[in-house]
């Protein structure tokens, strides 16, 4: 049986980017996390300790997004690495970091990176 947990649309205001203005002004980001695990026992027993805690995922995302990087690729990798280290029983992990209205001299709604394994 395959079990999926998704924590989607984590809204963050952060200061990532290569431009000096991005460091000072900041911008809006969305982070989505999807993971596959086996939560059969948690479903049977109603025991949070037997599954992945969404609060932990949200906490990791907020902490890593608060550390400034020039590239969202680096932020996404940090989030991915921490979730991998701090949760047990992962069979698959996908992290998506979306930068809304990036300053790329064009009419672009967002740019995003995805890391999965």
C-alpha atoms as a PDB file:
ATOM      1  CA  UNK A   1       0.000   0.000   0.000  1.00  0.00           C
ATOM      2  CA  UNK A   2       1.245   3.492  -0.826  1.00  0.00           C
ATOM      3  CA  UNK A   3       0.625   6.370   1.599  1.00  0.00           C
ATOM      4  CA  UNK A   4       1.199   9.998   0.662  1.00  0.00           C
ATOM      5  CA  UNK A   5       1.308  13.044   2.898  1.00  0.00           C
ATOM      6  CA  UNK A   6       1.257  16.509   1.346  1.00  0.00           C
ATOM      7  CA  UNK A   7       1.847  19.836   3.040  1.00  0.00           C
ATOM      8  CA  UNK A   8       1.056  22.330   0.283  1.00  0.00           C
ATOM      9  CA  UNK A   9       1.101  26.078  -0.104  1.00  0.00           C
ATOM     10  CA  UNK A  10       3.285  26.990   2.868  1.00  0.00           C
ATOM     11  CA  UNK A  11       3.333  30.773   2.468  1.00  0.00           C
ATOM     12  CA  UNK A  12       6.600  32.488   3.308  1.00  0.00           C
ATOM     13  CA  UNK A  13       7.938  36.017   2.923  1.00  0.00           C
ATOM     14  CA  UNK A  14      11.702  35.743   2.483  1.00  0.00           C
ATOM     15  CA  UNK A  15      14.744  37.543   1.124  1.00  0.00           C
ATOM     16  CA  UNK A  16      16.243  35.199  -1.465  1.00  0.00           C
ATOM     17  CA  UNK A  17      17.682  36.309  -4.776  1.00  0.00           C
ATOM     18  CA  UNK A  18      20.766  37.541  -6.563  1.00  0.00           C
ATOM     19  CA  UNK A  19      19.694  41.171  -6.819  1.00  0.00           C
ATOM     20  CA  UNK A  20      20.483  43.635  -4.007  1.00  0.00           C
ATOM     21  CA  UNK A  21      16.821  44.737  -4.037  1.00  0.00           C
ATOM     22  CA  UNK A  22      15.681  41.185  -3.241  1.00  0.00           C
ATOM     23  CA  UNK A  23      17.884  41.141  -0.158  1.00  0.00           C
ATOM     24  CA  UNK A  24      16.325  44.393   1.083  1.00  0.00           C
ATOM     25  CA  UNK A  25      12.710  44.135  -0.115  1.00  0.00           C
ATOM     26  CA  UNK A  26      12.112  40.383  -0.140  1.00  0.00           C
ATOM     27  CA  UNK A  27       9.307  38.535  -1.852  1.00  0.00           C
ATOM     28  CA  UNK A  28       6.563  35.944  -1.563  1.00  0.00           C
ATOM     29  CA  UNK A  29       7.224  32.203  -1.799  1.00  0.00           C
ATOM     30  CA  UNK A  30       5.204  29.016  -1.667  1.00  0.00           C
ATOM     31  CA  UNK A  31       6.639  25.690  -0.595  1.00  0.00           C
ATOM     32  CA  UNK A  32       5.004  22.305  -1.233  1.00  0.00           C
ATOM     33  CA  UNK A  33       6.197  19.089   0.390  1.00  0.00           C
ATOM     34  CA  UNK A  34       5.041  15.625  -0.637  1.00  0.00           C
ATOM     35  CA  UNK A  35       6.263  12.425   0.919  1.00  0.00           C
ATOM     36  CA  UNK A  36       5.487   8.742   0.740  1.00  0.00           C
ATOM     37  CA  UNK A  37       5.643   6.727   3.919  1.00  0.00           C
ATOM     38  CA  UNK A  38       3.739   3.942   5.600  1.00  0.00           C
ATOM     39  CA  UNK A  39       1.215   5.354   8.044  1.00  0.00           C
ATOM     40  CA  UNK A  40      -0.864   2.174   8.404  1.00  0.00           C
ATOM     41  CA  UNK A  41      -0.207   1.897  12.140  1.00  0.00           C
ATOM     42  CA  UNK A  42      -0.944   5.572  12.725  1.00  0.00           C
ATOM     43  CA  UNK A  43      -4.250   5.179  10.893  1.00  0.00           C
ATOM     44  CA  UNK A  44      -5.157   2.158  13.024  1.00  0.00           C
ATOM     45  CA  UNK A  45      -4.089   3.553  16.386  1.00  0.00           C
ATOM     46  CA  UNK A  46      -4.627   7.312  15.913  1.00  0.00           C
ATOM     47  CA  UNK A  47      -1.059   7.819  17.192  1.00  0.00           C
ATOM     48  CA  UNK A  48       0.843  10.825  15.823  1.00  0.00           C
ATOM     49  CA  UNK A  49       4.215   9.311  16.728  1.00  0.00           C
ATOM     50  CA  UNK A  50       3.647   6.629  14.064  1.00  0.00           C
ATOM     51  CA  UNK A  51       3.491   9.055  11.140  1.00  0.00           C
ATOM     52  CA  UNK A  52       5.117  12.253   9.889  1.00  0.00           C
ATOM     53  CA  UNK A  53       4.079  15.318  11.884  1.00  0.00           C
ATOM     54  CA  UNK A  54       2.915  18.138   9.590  1.00  0.00           C
ATOM     55  CA  UNK A  55       3.954  20.656  12.242  1.00  0.00           C
ATOM     56  CA  UNK A  56       7.565  19.467  11.947  1.00  0.00           C
ATOM     57  CA  UNK A  57       7.476  19.824   8.146  1.00  0.00           C
ATOM     58  CA  UNK A  58       6.095  23.365   8.412  1.00  0.00           C
ATOM     59  CA  UNK A  59       8.709  24.235  11.062  1.00  0.00           C
ATOM     60  CA  UNK A  60      11.603  22.975   8.913  1.00  0.00           C
ATOM     61  CA  UNK A  61      10.366  24.931   5.887  1.00  0.00           C
ATOM     62  CA  UNK A  62       9.997  28.165   7.863  1.00  0.00           C
ATOM     63  CA  UNK A  63      13.439  27.851   9.478  1.00  0.00           C
ATOM     64  CA  UNK A  64      15.250  27.099   6.218  1.00  0.00           C
ATOM     65  CA  UNK A  65      13.400  29.792   4.281  1.00  0.00           C
ATOM     66  CA  UNK A  66      14.520  32.319   6.914  1.00  0.00           C
ATOM     67  CA  UNK A  67      18.174  31.708   5.975  1.00  0.00           C
ATOM     68  CA  UNK A  68      18.999  33.958   3.038  1.00  0.00           C
ATOM     69  CA  UNK A  69      20.304  32.391  -0.169  1.00  0.00           C
ATOM     70  CA  UNK A  70      20.874  33.795  -3.609  1.00  0.00           C
ATOM     71  CA  UNK A  71      19.300  30.718  -5.206  1.00  0.00           C
ATOM     72  CA  UNK A  72      16.051  28.953  -4.366  1.00  0.00           C
ATOM     73  CA  UNK A  73      17.868  25.816  -5.488  1.00  0.00           C
ATOM     74  CA  UNK A  74      20.000  26.045  -2.348  1.00  0.00           C
ATOM     75  CA  UNK A  75      17.016  26.711  -0.090  1.00  0.00           C
ATOM     76  CA  UNK A  76      15.141  23.759  -1.589  1.00  0.00           C
ATOM     77  CA  UNK A  77      18.117  21.464  -1.046  1.00  0.00           C
ATOM     78  CA  UNK A  78      18.415  22.529   2.593  1.00  0.00           C
ATOM     79  CA  UNK A  79      14.713  21.840   3.169  1.00  0.00           C
ATOM     80  CA  UNK A  80      15.012  18.457   1.449  1.00  0.00           C
ATOM     81  CA  UNK A  81      18.090  17.476   3.452  1.00  0.00           C
ATOM     82  CA  UNK A  82      16.572  18.442   6.807  1.00  0.00           C
ATOM     83  CA  UNK A  83      13.313  16.616   6.193  1.00  0.00           C
ATOM     84  CA  UNK A  84      15.323  13.551   5.186  1.00  0.00           C
ATOM     85  CA  UNK A  85      17.400  13.760   8.381  1.00  0.00           C
ATOM     86  CA  UNK A  86      14.607  14.603  10.809  1.00  0.00           C
ATOM     87  CA  UNK A  87      11.856  12.213   9.734  1.00  0.00           C
ATOM     88  CA  UNK A  88      11.791   8.441   9.654  1.00  0.00           C
ATOM     89  CA  UNK A  89      10.235   5.983   7.262  1.00  0.00           C
ATOM     90  CA  UNK A  90      10.407   8.081   4.097  1.00  0.00           C
ATOM     91  CA  UNK A  91      10.097   6.148   0.853  1.00  0.00           C
ATOM     92  CA  UNK A  92       9.969   9.236  -1.358  1.00  0.00           C
ATOM     93  CA  UNK A  93      10.274  12.998  -0.826  1.00  0.00           C
ATOM     94  CA  UNK A  94       9.419  15.893  -3.118  1.00  0.00           C
ATOM     95  CA  UNK A  95      10.084  19.554  -2.259  1.00  0.00           C
ATOM     96  CA  UNK A  96       8.918  22.393  -4.481  1.00  0.00           C
ATOM     97  CA  UNK A  97       9.929  26.010  -3.836  1.00  0.00           C
ATOM     98  CA  UNK A  98       8.032  28.612  -5.856  1.00  0.00           C
ATOM     99  CA  UNK A  99       9.109  32.236  -6.105  1.00  0.00           C
ATOM    100  CA  UNK A 100       6.116  34.409  -6.927  1.00  0.00           C
ATOM    101  CA  UNK A 101       6.508  37.337  -9.368  1.00  0.00           C
ATOM    102  CA  UNK A 102      10.278  37.007  -9.823  1.00  0.00           C
ATOM    103  CA  UNK A 103      12.146  40.102 -11.076  1.00  0.00           C
ATOM    104  CA  UNK A 104      13.225  38.627 -14.416  1.00  0.00           C
ATOM    105  CA  UNK A 105      12.254  41.485 -16.730  1.00  0.00           C
ATOM    106  CA  UNK A 106       9.127  39.832 -18.059  1.00  0.00           C
ATOM    107  CA  UNK A 107       5.516  39.043 -17.233  1.00  0.00           C
ATOM    108  CA  UNK A 108       6.089  35.824 -15.295  1.00  0.00           C
ATOM    109  CA  UNK A 109       3.764  34.612 -12.542  1.00  0.00           C
ATOM    110  CA  UNK A 110       6.353  32.419 -10.825  1.00  0.00           C
ATOM    111  CA  UNK A 111       9.455  30.284 -11.098  1.00  0.00           C
ATOM    112  CA  UNK A 112       9.935  27.061  -9.190  1.00  0.00           C
ATOM    113  CA  UNK A 113      12.444  24.337  -8.435  1.00  0.00           C
ATOM    114  CA  UNK A 114      11.581  20.748  -7.597  1.00  0.00           C
ATOM    115  CA  UNK A 115      13.798  18.244  -5.808  1.00  0.00           C
ATOM    116  CA  UNK A 116      12.642  14.666  -5.455  1.00  0.00           C
ATOM    117  CA  UNK A 117      14.048  11.295  -4.608  1.00  0.00           C
END
